[in-house]
PDB file of N, CA and C in Angstrom:
ATOM      1  N   MET A   1      -1.859 -48.191  97.689  1.00  0.00           N
ATOM      2  CA  MET A   1      -1.581 -47.412  96.405  1.00  0.00           C
ATOM      3  C   MET A   1      -2.682 -46.292  96.304  1.00  0.00           C
ATOM      4  N   ILE A   2      -2.280 -45.249  95.618  1.00  0.00           N
ATOM      5  CA  ILE A   2      -3.251 -44.115  95.484  1.00  0.00           C
ATOM      6  C   ILE A   2      -4.451 -44.617  94.546  1.00  0.00           C
ATOM      7  N   TRP A   3      -5.564 -44.300  94.980  1.00  0.00           N
ATOM      8  CA  TRP A   3      -6.741 -44.748  94.337  1.00  0.00           C
ATOM      9  C   TRP A   3      -6.940 -44.125  92.963  1.00  0.00           C
ATOM     10  N   GLU A   4      -6.404 -42.864  92.732  1.00  0.00           N
ATOM     11  CA  GLU A   4      -6.440 -42.247  91.502  1.00  0.00           C
ATOM     12  C   GLU A   4      -5.596 -43.020  90.444  1.00  0.00           C
ATOM     13  N   LEU A   5      -4.452 -43.430  90.863  1.00  0.00           N
ATOM     14  CA  LEU A   5      -3.594 -44.250  89.980  1.00  0.00           C
ATOM     15  C   LEU A   5      -4.207 -45.585  89.622  1.00  0.00           C
ATOM     16  N   GLU A   6      -4.889 -46.207  90.608  1.00  0.00           N
ATOM     17  CA  GLU A   6      -5.608 -47.439  90.278  1.00  0.00           C
ATOM     18  C   GLU A   6      -6.707 -47.212  89.332  1.00  0.00           C
ATOM     19  N   LEU A   7      -7.386 -46.073  89.376  1.00  0.00           N
ATOM     20  CA  LEU A   7      -8.495 -45.754  88.535  1.00  0.00           C
ATOM     21  C   LEU A   7      -7.936 -45.554  87.042  1.00  0.00           C
ATOM     22  N   VAL A   8      -6.885 -44.884  86.893  1.00  0.00           N
ATOM     23  CA  VAL A   8      -6.230 -44.758  85.635  1.00  0.00           C
ATOM     24  C   VAL A   8      -5.776 -46.035  85.004  1.00  0.00           C
ATOM     25  N   ILE A   9      -5.224 -46.988  85.840  1.00  0.00           N
ATOM     26  CA  ILE A   9      -4.898 -48.263  85.329  1.00  0.00           C
ATOM     27  C   ILE A   9      -6.249 -49.065  84.906  1.00  0.00           C
ATOM     28  N   TYR A  10      -7.245 -48.920  85.620  1.00  0.00           N
ATOM     29  CA  TYR A  10      -8.451 -49.571  85.308  1.00  0.00           C
ATOM     30  C   TYR A  10      -9.085 -49.071  83.931  1.00  0.00           C
ATOM     31  N   ILE A  11      -8.921 -47.761  83.788  1.00  0.00           N
ATOM     32  CA  ILE A  11      -9.499 -47.075  82.478  1.00  0.00           C
ATOM     33  C   ILE A  11      -8.659 -47.648  81.332  1.00  0.00           C
ATOM     34  N   PHE A  12      -7.409 -47.603  81.446  1.00  0.00           N
ATOM     35  CA  PHE A  12      -6.480 -48.152  80.403  1.00  0.00           C
ATOM     36  C   PHE A  12      -6.761 -49.579  80.159  1.00  0.00           C
ATOM     37  N   LEU A  13      -7.009 -50.401  81.223  1.00  0.00           N
ATOM     38  CA  LEU A  13      -7.352 -51.883  80.969  1.00  0.00           C
ATOM     39  C   LEU A  13      -8.586 -51.924  80.132  1.00  0.00           C
ATOM     40  N   ALA A  14      -9.591 -51.184  80.462  1.00  0.00           N
ATOM     41  CA  ALA A  14     -10.820 -51.268  79.696  1.00  0.00           C
ATOM     42  C   ALA A  14     -10.653 -50.807  78.309  1.00  0.00           C
ATOM     43  N   LEU A  15      -9.881 -49.802  78.067  1.00  0.00           N
ATOM     44  CA  LEU A  15      -9.584 -49.270  76.744  1.00  0.00           C
ATOM     45  C   LEU A  15      -8.786 -50.302  75.940  1.00  0.00           C
ATOM     46  N   SER A  16      -7.728 -50.847  76.499  1.00  0.00           N
ATOM     47  CA  SER A  16      -6.968 -51.817  75.707  1.00  0.00           C
ATOM     48  C   SER A  16      -7.691 -53.091  75.433  1.00  0.00           C
ATOM     49  N   ALA A  17      -8.663 -53.483  76.310  1.00  0.00           N
ATOM     50  CA  ALA A  17      -9.440 -54.640  76.078  1.00  0.00           C
ATOM     51  C   ALA A  17     -10.435 -54.398  74.864  1.00  0.00           C
ATOM     52  N   ILE A  18     -11.026 -53.213  74.922  1.00  0.00           N
ATOM     53  CA  ILE A  18     -12.001 -52.901  73.763  1.00  0.00           C
ATOM     54  C   ILE A  18     -11.258 -52.716  72.445  1.00  0.00           C
ATOM     55  N   VAL A  19     -10.151 -52.155  72.544  1.00  0.00           N
ATOM     56  CA  VAL A  19      -9.323 -51.998  71.238  1.00  0.00           C
ATOM     57  C   VAL A  19      -8.918 -53.353  70.690  1.00  0.00           C
ATOM     58  N   ALA A  20      -8.460 -54.215  71.590  1.00  0.00           N
ATOM     59  CA  ALA A  20      -8.006 -55.555  71.175  1.00  0.00           C
ATOM     60  C   ALA A  20      -9.151 -56.361  70.574  1.00  0.00           C
ATOM     61  N   LEU A  21     -10.376 -56.134  71.091  1.00  0.00           N
ATOM     62  CA  LEU A  21     -11.568 -56.917  70.560  1.00  0.00           C
ATOM     63  C   LEU A  21     -12.051 -56.387  69.295  1.00  0.00           C
ATOM     64  N   GLU A  22     -11.964 -54.992  69.046  1.00  0.00           N
ATOM     65  CA  GLU A  22     -12.623 -54.417  67.968  1.00  0.00           C
ATOM     66  C   GLU A  22     -11.733 -54.267  66.715  1.00  0.00           C
ATOM     67  N   VAL A  23     -10.427 -54.275  66.894  1.00  0.00           N
ATOM     68  CA  VAL A  23      -9.443 -53.929  65.778  1.00  0.00           C
ATOM     69  C   VAL A  23      -9.475 -55.141  64.752  1.00  0.00           C
ATOM     70  N   LYS A  24      -9.245 -54.716  63.584  1.00  0.00           N
ATOM     71  CA  LYS A  24      -9.193 -55.842  62.470  1.00  0.00           C
ATOM     72  C   LYS A  24      -7.853 -56.358  62.259  1.00  0.00           C
ATOM     73  N   ASP A  25      -6.739 -55.594  62.547  1.00  0.00           N
ATOM     74  CA  ASP A  25      -5.409 -56.030  62.294  1.00  0.00           C
ATOM     75  C   ASP A  25      -4.984 -56.895  63.503  1.00  0.00           C
ATOM     76  N   LEU A  26      -4.468 -58.101  63.156  1.00  0.00           N
ATOM     77  CA  LEU A  26      -4.081 -58.980  64.202  1.00  0.00           C
ATOM     78  C   LEU A  26      -2.982 -58.624  64.947  1.00  0.00           C
ATOM     79  N   LEU A  27      -1.908 -57.949  64.426  1.00  0.00           N
ATOM     80  CA  LEU A  27      -0.746 -57.581  65.077  1.00  0.00           C
ATOM     81  C   LEU A  27      -1.151 -56.439  66.140  1.00  0.00           C
ATOM     82  N   VAL A  28      -1.973 -55.565  65.852  1.00  0.00           N
ATOM     83  CA  VAL A  28      -2.435 -54.522  66.702  1.00  0.00           C
ATOM     84  C   VAL A  28      -3.175 -55.208  67.884  1.00  0.00           C
ATOM     85  N   ALA A  29      -4.018 -56.252  67.535  1.00  0.00           N
ATOM     86  CA  ALA A  29      -4.678 -56.834  68.624  1.00  0.00           C
ATOM     87  C   ALA A  29      -3.765 -57.563  69.582  1.00  0.00           C
ATOM     88  N   VAL A  30      -2.668 -58.174  69.044  1.00  0.00           N
ATOM     89  CA  VAL A  30      -1.614 -58.943  69.886  1.00  0.00           C
ATOM     90  C   VAL A  30      -0.917 -57.739  70.863  1.00  0.00           C
ATOM     91  N   VAL A  31      -0.670 -56.634  70.192  1.00  0.00           N
ATOM     92  CA  VAL A  31       0.057 -55.590  71.046  1.00  0.00           C
ATOM     93  C   VAL A  31      -0.831 -55.149  72.091  1.00  0.00           C
ATOM     94  N   MET A  32      -2.107 -54.906  71.806  1.00  0.00           N
ATOM     95  CA  MET A  32      -3.057 -54.431  72.837  1.00  0.00           C
ATOM     96  C   MET A  32      -3.348 -55.557  73.963  1.00  0.00           C
ATOM     97  N   MET A  33      -3.270 -56.812  73.598  1.00  0.00           N
ATOM     98  CA  MET A  33      -3.382 -57.925  74.599  1.00  0.00           C
ATOM     99  C   MET A  33      -2.089 -57.919  75.507  1.00  0.00           C
ATOM    100  N   THR A  34      -1.003 -57.610  74.860  1.00  0.00           N
ATOM    101  CA  THR A  34       0.216 -57.533  75.681  1.00  0.00           C
ATOM    102  C   THR A  34       0.185 -56.290  76.616  1.00  0.00           C
ATOM    103  N   ILE A  35      -0.325 -55.279  76.144  1.00  0.00           N
ATOM    104  CA  ILE A  35      -0.408 -54.074  76.924  1.00  0.00           C
ATOM    105  C   ILE A  35      -1.355 -54.380  78.129  1.00  0.00           C
ATOM    106  N   PHE A  36      -2.527 -54.967  77.788  1.00  0.00           N
ATOM    107  CA  PHE A  36      -3.558 -55.390  78.772  1.00  0.00           C
ATOM    108  C   PHE A  36      -2.843 -56.182  79.831  1.00  0.00           C
ATOM    109  N   SER A  37      -2.053 -57.183  79.397  1.00  0.00           N
ATOM    110  CA  SER A  37      -1.447 -58.054  80.463  1.00  0.00           C
ATOM    111  C   SER A  37      -0.321 -57.315  81.312  1.00  0.00           C
ATOM    112  N   PHE A  38       0.367 -56.436  80.742  1.00  0.00           N
ATOM    113  CA  PHE A  38       1.233 -55.622  81.421  1.00  0.00           C
ATOM    114  C   PHE A  38       0.571 -54.705  82.572  1.00  0.00           C
ATOM    115  N   LEU A  39      -0.545 -54.196  82.049  1.00  0.00           N
ATOM    116  CA  LEU A  39      -1.367 -53.344  83.061  1.00  0.00           C
ATOM    117  C   LEU A  39      -1.876 -54.290  84.119  1.00  0.00           C
ATOM    118  N   MET A  40      -2.313 -55.418  83.891  1.00  0.00           N
ATOM    119  CA  MET A  40      -2.755 -56.307  84.953  1.00  0.00           C
ATOM    120  C   MET A  40      -1.557 -56.647  85.885  1.00  0.00           C
ATOM    121  N   ALA A  41      -0.354 -56.827  85.442  1.00  0.00           N
ATOM    122  CA  ALA A  41       0.768 -57.020  86.271  1.00  0.00           C
ATOM    123  C   ALA A  41       1.012 -55.818  87.112  1.00  0.00           C
ATOM    124  N   LEU A  42       0.843 -54.563  86.634  1.00  0.00           N
ATOM    125  CA  LEU A  42       0.973 -53.405  87.412  1.00  0.00           C
ATOM    126  C   LEU A  42      -0.062 -53.411  88.534  1.00  0.00           C
ATOM    127  N   LEU A  43      -1.280 -53.783  88.122  1.00  0.00           N
ATOM    128  CA  LEU A  43      -2.388 -53.752  89.206  1.00  0.00           C
ATOM    129  C   LEU A  43      -2.107 -54.820  90.230  1.00  0.00           C
ATOM    130  N   PHE A  44      -1.587 -56.032  89.889  1.00  0.00           N
ATOM    131  CA  PHE A  44      -1.326 -57.078  90.918  1.00  0.00           C
ATOM    132  C   PHE A  44      -0.204 -56.433  91.832  1.00  0.00           C
ATOM    133  N   VAL A  45       0.756 -55.774  91.346  1.00  0.00           N
ATOM    134  CA  VAL A  45       1.849 -55.251  92.179  1.00  0.00           C
ATOM    135  C   VAL A  45       1.246 -54.128  93.085  1.00  0.00           C
ATOM    136  N   ALA A  46       0.373 -53.379  92.559  1.00  0.00           N
ATOM    137  CA  ALA A  46      -0.295 -52.362  93.299  1.00  0.00           C
ATOM    138  C   ALA A  46      -1.129 -52.866  94.525  1.00  0.00           C
ATOM    139  N   MET A  47      -1.612 -54.107  94.246  1.00  0.00           N
ATOM    140  CA  MET A  47      -2.421 -54.771  95.320  1.00  0.00           C
ATOM    141  C   MET A  47      -1.607 -55.495  96.333  1.00  0.00           C
ATOM    142  N   GLY A  48      -0.346 -55.564  96.084  1.00  0.00           N
ATOM    143  CA  GLY A  48       0.649 -56.191  96.985  1.00  0.00           C
ATOM    144  C   GLY A  48       1.036 -57.636  96.643  1.00  0.00           C
ATOM    145  N   ALA A  49       0.525 -58.085  95.519  1.00  0.00           N
ATOM    146  CA  ALA A  49       0.854 -59.513  95.102  1.00  0.00           C
ATOM    147  C   ALA A  49       2.154 -59.443  94.094  1.00  0.00           C
ATOM    148  N   ILE A  50       3.271 -59.164  94.665  1.00  0.00           N
ATOM    149  CA  ILE A  50       4.461 -58.872  93.872  1.00  0.00           C
ATOM    150  C   ILE A  50       4.787 -60.098  93.008  1.00  0.00           C
ATOM    151  N   ASP A  51       4.727 -61.258  93.538  1.00  0.00           N
ATOM    152  CA  ASP A  51       5.056 -62.547  92.908  1.00  0.00           C
ATOM    153  C   ASP A  51       4.103 -62.813  91.778  1.00  0.00           C
ATOM    154  N   VAL A  52       2.771 -62.548  91.932  1.00  0.00           N
ATOM    155  CA  VAL A  52       1.785 -62.712  90.843  1.00  0.00           C
ATOM    156  C   VAL A  52       2.011 -61.698  89.804  1.00  0.00           C
ATOM    157  N   GLY A  53       2.302 -60.444  90.105  1.00  0.00           N
ATOM    158  CA  GLY A  53       2.562 -59.396  89.171  1.00  0.00           C
ATOM    159  C   GLY A  53       3.796 -59.707  88.335  1.00  0.00           C
ATOM    160  N   PHE A  54       4.833 -60.348  88.931  1.00  0.00           N
ATOM    161  CA  PHE A  54       6.084 -60.506  88.264  1.00  0.00           C
ATOM    162  C   PHE A  54       5.797 -61.782  87.260  1.00  0.00           C
ATOM    163  N   THR A  55       5.091 -62.708  87.692  1.00  0.00           N
ATOM    164  CA  THR A  55       4.681 -63.791  86.821  1.00  0.00           C
ATOM    165  C   THR A  55       3.901 -63.440  85.593  1.00  0.00           C
ATOM    166  N   GLU A  56       2.908 -62.581  85.955  1.00  0.00           N
ATOM    167  CA  GLU A  56       2.023 -62.034  84.788  1.00  0.00           C
ATOM    168  C   GLU A  56       2.822 -61.172  83.818  1.00  0.00           C
ATOM    169  N   ALA A  57       3.791 -60.402  84.360  1.00  0.00           N
ATOM    170  CA  ALA A  57       4.646 -59.616  83.441  1.00  0.00           C
ATOM    171  C   ALA A  57       5.493 -60.497  82.493  1.00  0.00           C
ATOM    172  N   VAL A  58       6.143 -61.566  83.125  1.00  0.00           N
ATOM    173  CA  VAL A  58       7.079 -62.340  82.372  1.00  0.00           C
ATOM    174  C   VAL A  58       6.279 -63.273  81.458  1.00  0.00           C
ATOM    175  N   ILE A  59       5.233 -63.999  81.916  1.00  0.00           N
ATOM    176  CA  ILE A  59       4.582 -64.989  81.111  1.00  0.00           C
ATOM    177  C   ILE A  59       3.568 -64.307  80.188  1.00  0.00           C
ATOM    178  N   GLY A  60       2.701 -63.448  80.812  1.00  0.00           N
ATOM    179  CA  GLY A  60       1.564 -62.826  80.100  1.00  0.00           C
ATOM    180  C   GLY A  60       2.044 -61.826  79.057  1.00  0.00           C
ATOM    181  N   ALA A  61       2.907 -60.869  79.524  1.00  0.00           N
ATOM    182  CA  ALA A  61       3.248 -59.800  78.675  1.00  0.00           C
ATOM    183  C   ALA A  61       4.464 -60.238  77.789  1.00  0.00           C
ATOM    184  N   GLY A  62       5.277 -61.028  78.341  1.00  0.00           N
ATOM    185  CA  GLY A  62       6.590 -61.348  77.653  1.00  0.00           C
ATOM    186  C   GLY A  62       6.458 -62.562  76.772  1.00  0.00           C
ATOM    187  N   VAL A  63       6.391 -63.719  77.220  1.00  0.00           N
ATOM    188  CA  VAL A  63       6.396 -64.988  76.424  1.00  0.00           C
ATOM    189  C   VAL A  63       5.217 -65.028  75.555  1.00  0.00           C
ATOM    190  N   THR A  64       4.066 -64.917  76.121  1.00  0.00           N
ATOM    191  CA  THR A  64       2.825 -64.964  75.203  1.00  0.00           C
ATOM    192  C   THR A  64       2.783 -63.989  74.144  1.00  0.00           C
ATOM    193  N   GLY A  65       3.076 -62.692  74.483  1.00  0.00           N
ATOM    194  CA  GLY A  65       3.230 -61.740  73.404  1.00  0.00           C
ATOM    195  C   GLY A  65       4.090 -62.056  72.217  1.00  0.00           C
ATOM    196  N   ILE A  66       5.342 -62.518  72.584  1.00  0.00           N
ATOM    197  CA  ILE A  66       6.247 -62.960  71.553  1.00  0.00           C
ATOM    198  C   ILE A  66       5.766 -64.091  70.782  1.00  0.00           C
ATOM    199  N   LEU A  67       5.174 -65.089  71.372  1.00  0.00           N
ATOM    200  CA  LEU A  67       4.534 -66.325  70.714  1.00  0.00           C
ATOM    201  C   LEU A  67       3.449 -65.886  69.760  1.00  0.00           C
ATOM    202  N   PHE A  68       2.513 -64.893  70.274  1.00  0.00           N
ATOM    203  CA  PHE A  68       1.475 -64.501  69.330  1.00  0.00           C
ATOM    204  C   PHE A  68       2.067 -63.729  68.208  1.00  0.00           C
ATOM    205  N   VAL A  69       3.147 -62.934  68.300  1.00  0.00           N
ATOM    206  CA  VAL A  69       3.710 -62.150  67.192  1.00  0.00           C
ATOM    207  C   VAL A  69       4.161 -63.174  66.194  1.00  0.00           C
ATOM    208  N   VAL A  70       4.897 -64.128  66.672  1.00  0.00           N
ATOM    209  CA  VAL A  70       5.455 -65.196  65.741  1.00  0.00           C
ATOM    210  C   VAL A  70       4.407 -65.931  64.971  1.00  0.00           C
ATOM    211  N   VAL A  71       3.317 -66.192  65.704  1.00  0.00           N
ATOM    212  CA  VAL A  71       2.174 -66.909  65.063  1.00  0.00           C
ATOM    213  C   VAL A  71       1.545 -66.052  64.020  1.00  0.00           C
ATOM    214  N   VAL A  72       1.327 -64.761  64.264  1.00  0.00           N
ATOM    215  CA  VAL A  72       0.787 -63.859  63.320  1.00  0.00           C
ATOM    216  C   VAL A  72       1.642 -63.669  62.068  1.00  0.00           C
ATOM    217  N   TYR A  73       2.960 -63.670  62.253  1.00  0.00           N
ATOM    218  CA  TYR A  73       3.794 -63.610  61.152  1.00  0.00           C
ATOM    219  C   TYR A  73       3.871 -64.910  60.299  1.00  0.00           C
ATOM    220  N   GLN A  74       3.529 -66.014  60.942  1.00  0.00           N
ATOM    221  CA  GLN A  74       3.490 -67.319  60.235  1.00  0.00           C
ATOM    222  C   GLN A  74       2.377 -67.622  59.366  1.00  0.00           C
ATOM    223  N   THR A  75       1.211 -66.711  59.728  1.00  0.00           N
ATOM    224  CA  THR A  75       0.028 -67.021  58.948  1.00  0.00           C
ATOM    225  C   THR A  75       0.076 -66.185  57.625  1.00  0.00           C
ATOM    226  N   SER A  76      -0.764 -66.582  56.664  1.00  0.00           N
ATOM    227  CA  SER A  76      -0.840 -65.846  55.342  1.00  0.00           C
ATOM    228  C   SER A  76      -2.196 -65.237  55.337  1.00  0.00           C
ATOM    229  N   ARG A  77      -2.279 -64.096  54.606  1.00  0.00           N
ATOM    230  CA  ARG A  77      -3.597 -63.372  54.516  1.00  0.00           C
ATOM    231  C   ARG A  77      -4.219 -63.827  53.203  1.00  0.00           C
ATOM    232  N   LYS A  78      -5.414 -64.288  53.288  1.00  0.00           N
ATOM    233  CA  LYS A  78      -6.198 -64.607  52.165  1.00  0.00           C
ATOM    234  C   LYS A  78      -7.252 -63.598  51.983  1.00  0.00           C
ATOM    235  N   SER A  79      -7.257 -62.949  50.833  1.00  0.00           N
ATOM    236  CA  SER A  79      -8.337 -61.895  50.526  1.00  0.00           C
ATOM    237  C   SER A  79      -9.388 -62.518  49.712  1.00  0.00           C
ATOM    238  N   LYS A  80     -10.574 -61.963  49.837  1.00  0.00           N
ATOM    239  CA  LYS A  80     -11.730 -62.433  48.965  1.00  0.00           C
ATOM    240  C   LYS A  80     -11.737 -61.641  47.696  1.00  0.00           C
ATOM    241  N   ASP A  81     -11.574 -62.156  46.523  1.00  0.00           N
ATOM    242  CA  ASP A  81     -11.636 -61.404  45.299  1.00  0.00           C
ATOM    243  C   ASP A  81     -12.819 -61.680  44.505  1.00  0.00           C
TER     244      ASP A  81
END
């Protein structure tokens, strides 16, 4: 793979991880974690591990992302008054 494209993927990986850790909204954090997982799948495919990349895309970005979104919507927000 072209090293410039890998560098761009690494930069987006770092940015999505930082945003997922620093953001206060749980739904945004879940979306950023899903983006992180999908970028990891792209990186695995770029390294030649097609089966690992496909599994990461399906399980990491797909199933886990959907489960996290469902869990976030099942929680209630308690504010301090």
